[in-house]
Amino acid sequence: MQVQGKLNEAEYTAYKVLLKTSRLKAVLNEKPPSKTQMVELPDPVGGCIVPHDLIESRKHPDVRIARRAATIANLAKVISERDVSVGLRIALRTQARRLLALAERRLSEVSGLPPDDQA
């Protein structure tokens, strides 16, 4: 099999695994990969590519909420100005769902109430 075919299978498998394990059952991917057979993936390799001080400044829940909202605003602006793919609109929905999850979690943290009792 050609290298591109193996890469396509690995990409599709990784996409399906991530989709299944995602809390929101969504993956930020403008275009889902083409369906192929599932393959065994190698063991994952972890690491950090973001400087520690940058992580520290961005990990506060309120900062994460603000950054996610800014991302949504930028994406909505692009969508309003161009003829975009359905995939980009799905990405906007996924970003909005992530924002909602962050906001609900943060509200629960500061209110002490479980998410269902916040209304």
C-alpha atoms as a PDB file:
ATOM      1  CA  MET A   1       0.000   0.000   0.000  1.00  0.00           C
ATOM      2  CA  GLN A   2       1.188   3.489  -0.765  1.00  0.00           C
ATOM      3  CA  VAL A   3       2.228   5.871   1.989  1.00  0.00           C
ATOM      4  CA  GLN A   4      -0.746   8.174   1.281  1.00  0.00           C
ATOM      5  CA  GLY A   5      -3.160   5.267   1.708  1.00  0.00           C
ATOM      6  CA  LYS A   6      -1.619   4.360   5.080  1.00  0.00           C
ATOM      7  CA  LEU A   7      -1.794   7.988   6.176  1.00  0.00           C
ATOM      8  CA  ASN A   8      -5.456   8.185   5.163  1.00  0.00           C
ATOM      9  CA  GLU A   9      -6.230   5.066   7.210  1.00  0.00           C
ATOM     10  CA  ALA A  10      -4.359   6.415  10.228  1.00  0.00           C
ATOM     11  CA  GLU A  11      -6.109   9.785   9.938  1.00  0.00           C
ATOM     12  CA  TYR A  12      -9.536   8.179   9.657  1.00  0.00           C
ATOM     13  CA  THR A  13      -8.848   5.871  12.610  1.00  0.00           C
ATOM     14  CA  ALA A  14      -7.567   8.737  14.776  1.00  0.00           C
ATOM     15  CA  TYR A  15     -10.608  10.833  13.818  1.00  0.00           C
ATOM     16  CA  LYS A  16     -13.049   8.056  14.779  1.00  0.00           C
ATOM     17  CA  VAL A  17     -11.248   7.375  18.081  1.00  0.00           C
ATOM     18  CA  LEU A  18     -11.243  11.073  18.979  1.00  0.00           C
ATOM     19  CA  LEU A  19     -14.892  11.435  18.005  1.00  0.00           C
ATOM     20  CA  LYS A  20     -15.846   8.497  20.202  1.00  0.00           C
ATOM     21  CA  THR A  21     -13.856   9.700  23.227  1.00  0.00           C
ATOM     22  CA  SER A  22     -14.740  13.397  22.976  1.00  0.00           C
ATOM     23  CA  ARG A  23     -16.967  14.756  25.749  1.00  0.00           C
ATOM     24  CA  LEU A  24     -18.881  16.721  23.117  1.00  0.00           C
ATOM     25  CA  LYS A  25     -18.764  13.902  20.557  1.00  0.00           C
ATOM     26  CA  ALA A  26     -17.186  16.361  18.149  1.00  0.00           C
ATOM     27  CA  VAL A  27     -13.780  17.021  16.618  1.00  0.00           C
ATOM     28  CA  LEU A  28     -12.704  20.413  15.314  1.00  0.00           C
ATOM     29  CA  ASN A  29     -11.999  19.371  11.772  1.00  0.00           C
ATOM     30  CA  GLU A  30     -13.337  21.443   8.889  1.00  0.00           C
ATOM     31  CA  LYS A  31     -13.599  18.394   6.666  1.00  0.00           C
ATOM     32  CA  PRO A  32     -13.907  14.861   8.040  1.00  0.00           C
ATOM     33  CA  PRO A  33     -11.394  12.461   6.524  1.00  0.00           C
ATOM     34  CA  SER A  34     -12.501  10.037   3.840  1.00  0.00           C
ATOM     35  CA  LYS A  35     -13.839   6.759   5.173  1.00  0.00           C
ATOM     36  CA  THR A  36     -11.294   3.954   5.078  1.00  0.00           C
ATOM     37  CA  GLN A  37     -10.705   0.804   7.028  1.00  0.00           C
ATOM     38  CA  MET A  38      -9.707   1.224  10.667  1.00  0.00           C
ATOM     39  CA  VAL A  39      -6.104   0.375  11.486  1.00  0.00           C
ATOM     40  CA  GLU A  40      -4.114  -0.122  14.647  1.00  0.00           C
ATOM     41  CA  LEU A  41      -2.431   3.096  15.671  1.00  0.00           C
ATOM     42  CA  PRO A  42       0.979   3.309  17.333  1.00  0.00           C
ATOM     43  CA  ASP A  43       1.183   4.235  21.010  1.00  0.00           C
ATOM     44  CA  PRO A  44       0.684   7.978  21.481  1.00  0.00           C
ATOM     45  CA  VAL A  45       3.607  10.222  22.314  1.00  0.00           C
ATOM     46  CA  GLY A  46       2.943  13.121  24.669  1.00  0.00           C
ATOM     47  CA  GLY A  47       4.721  16.345  25.291  1.00  0.00           C
ATOM     48  CA  CYS A  48       4.250  20.051  25.664  1.00  0.00           C
ATOM     49  CA  ILE A  49       5.102  22.534  22.936  1.00  0.00           C
ATOM     50  CA  VAL A  50       3.689  25.609  24.696  1.00  0.00           C
ATOM     51  CA  PRO A  51       5.980  27.469  27.131  1.00  0.00           C
ATOM     52  CA  HIS A  52       5.044  26.946  30.788  1.00  0.00           C
ATOM     53  CA  ASP A  53       4.444  30.658  31.486  1.00  0.00           C
ATOM     54  CA  LEU A  54       2.067  30.881  28.543  1.00  0.00           C
ATOM     55  CA  ILE A  55       0.129  27.853  29.754  1.00  0.00           C
ATOM     56  CA  GLU A  56      -0.119  29.388  33.223  1.00  0.00           C
ATOM     57  CA  SER A  57      -1.502  32.665  31.867  1.00  0.00           C
ATOM     58  CA  ARG A  58      -4.092  30.945  29.669  1.00  0.00           C
ATOM     59  CA  LYS A  59      -5.374  28.129  31.843  1.00  0.00           C
ATOM     60  CA  HIS A  60      -7.626  30.200  34.111  1.00  0.00           C
ATOM     61  CA  PRO A  61     -11.238  29.265  33.289  1.00  0.00           C
ATOM     62  CA  ASP A  62     -12.326  32.876  32.701  1.00  0.00           C
ATOM     63  CA  VAL A  63      -9.437  33.438  30.273  1.00  0.00           C
ATOM     64  CA  ARG A  64     -10.310  30.219  28.459  1.00  0.00           C
ATOM     65  CA  ILE A  65     -13.944  31.365  28.154  1.00  0.00           C
ATOM     66  CA  ALA A  66     -12.887  34.760  26.790  1.00  0.00           C
ATOM     67  CA  ARG A  67     -10.483  33.202  24.277  1.00  0.00           C
ATOM     68  CA  ARG A  68     -13.121  30.713  23.098  1.00  0.00           C
ATOM     69  CA  ALA A  69     -15.674  33.523  22.675  1.00  0.00           C
ATOM     70  CA  ALA A  70     -13.144  35.527  20.637  1.00  0.00           C
ATOM     71  CA  THR A  71     -12.493  32.489  18.447  1.00  0.00           C
ATOM     72  CA  ILE A  72     -16.237  32.111  17.858  1.00  0.00           C
ATOM     73  CA  ALA A  73     -16.569  35.809  16.964  1.00  0.00           C
ATOM     74  CA  ASN A  74     -13.701  35.575  14.470  1.00  0.00           C
ATOM     75  CA  LEU A  75     -15.105  32.420  12.917  1.00  0.00           C
ATOM     76  CA  ALA A  76     -18.596  33.940  12.658  1.00  0.00           C
ATOM     77  CA  LYS A  77     -17.078  36.996  10.957  1.00  0.00           C
ATOM     78  CA  VAL A  78     -15.360  34.811   8.360  1.00  0.00           C
ATOM     79  CA  ILE A  79     -18.593  32.913   7.761  1.00  0.00           C
ATOM     80  CA  SER A  80     -20.566  36.142   7.323  1.00  0.00           C
ATOM     81  CA  GLU A  81     -18.104  37.520   4.776  1.00  0.00           C
ATOM     82  CA  ARG A  82     -17.526  34.485   2.580  1.00  0.00           C
ATOM     83  CA  ASP A  83     -19.181  31.542   0.925  1.00  0.00           C
ATOM     84  CA  VAL A  84     -17.911  28.850   3.273  1.00  0.00           C
ATOM     85  CA  SER A  85     -18.161  25.092   3.552  1.00  0.00           C
ATOM     86  CA  VAL A  86     -20.634  23.247   5.729  1.00  0.00           C
ATOM     87  CA  GLY A  87     -17.569  22.021   7.608  1.00  0.00           C
ATOM     88  CA  LEU A  88     -16.722  25.542   8.737  1.00  0.00           C
ATOM     89  CA  ARG A  89     -20.264  25.979  10.028  1.00  0.00           C
ATOM     90  CA  ILE A  90     -19.934  22.693  11.901  1.00  0.00           C
ATOM     91  CA  ALA A  91     -16.684  24.002  13.387  1.00  0.00           C
ATOM     92  CA  LEU A  92     -18.554  27.111  14.583  1.00  0.00           C
ATOM     93  CA  ARG A  93     -21.191  24.931  16.236  1.00  0.00           C
ATOM     94  CA  THR A  94     -18.512  22.804  17.870  1.00  0.00           C
ATOM     95  CA  GLN A  95     -16.727  25.902  19.179  1.00  0.00           C
ATOM     96  CA  ALA A  96     -20.040  27.180  20.583  1.00  0.00           C
ATOM     97  CA  ARG A  97     -20.680  23.852  22.306  1.00  0.00           C
ATOM     98  CA  ARG A  98     -17.190  23.991  23.816  1.00  0.00           C
ATOM     99  CA  LEU A  99     -17.872  27.539  25.052  1.00  0.00           C
ATOM    100  CA  LEU A 100     -21.141  26.423  26.632  1.00  0.00           C
ATOM    101  CA  ALA A 101     -19.409  23.533  28.397  1.00  0.00           C
ATOM    102  CA  LEU A 102     -16.664  25.851  29.717  1.00  0.00           C
ATOM    103  CA  ALA A 103     -19.215  28.436  30.896  1.00  0.00           C
ATOM    104  CA  GLU A 104     -21.392  25.834  32.616  1.00  0.00           C
ATOM    105  CA  ARG A 105     -18.392  24.302  34.371  1.00  0.00           C
ATOM    106  CA  ARG A 106     -17.172  27.733  35.511  1.00  0.00           C
ATOM    107  CA  LEU A 107     -20.611  28.793  36.737  1.00  0.00           C
ATOM    108  CA  SER A 108     -20.842  25.573  38.710  1.00  0.00           C
ATOM    109  CA  GLU A 109     -17.405  26.258  40.237  1.00  0.00           C
ATOM    110  CA  VAL A 110     -18.283  29.781  41.397  1.00  0.00           C
ATOM    111  CA  SER A 111     -21.908  29.125  42.387  1.00  0.00           C
ATOM    112  CA  GLY A 112     -21.395  25.783  44.064  1.00  0.00           C
ATOM    113  CA  LEU A 113     -24.532  24.528  42.363  1.00  0.00           C
ATOM    114  CA  PRO A 114     -24.598  21.519  40.043  1.00  0.00           C
ATOM    115  CA  PRO A 115     -25.127  22.489  36.378  1.00  0.00           C
ATOM    116  CA  ASP A 116     -28.798  21.407  36.400  1.00  0.00           C
ATOM    117  CA  ASP A 117     -29.642  23.745  39.336  1.00  0.00           C
ATOM    118  CA  GLN A 118     -28.237  26.961  37.883  1.00  0.00           C
ATOM    119  CA  ALA A 119     -31.337  28.298  36.139  1.00  0.00           C
END
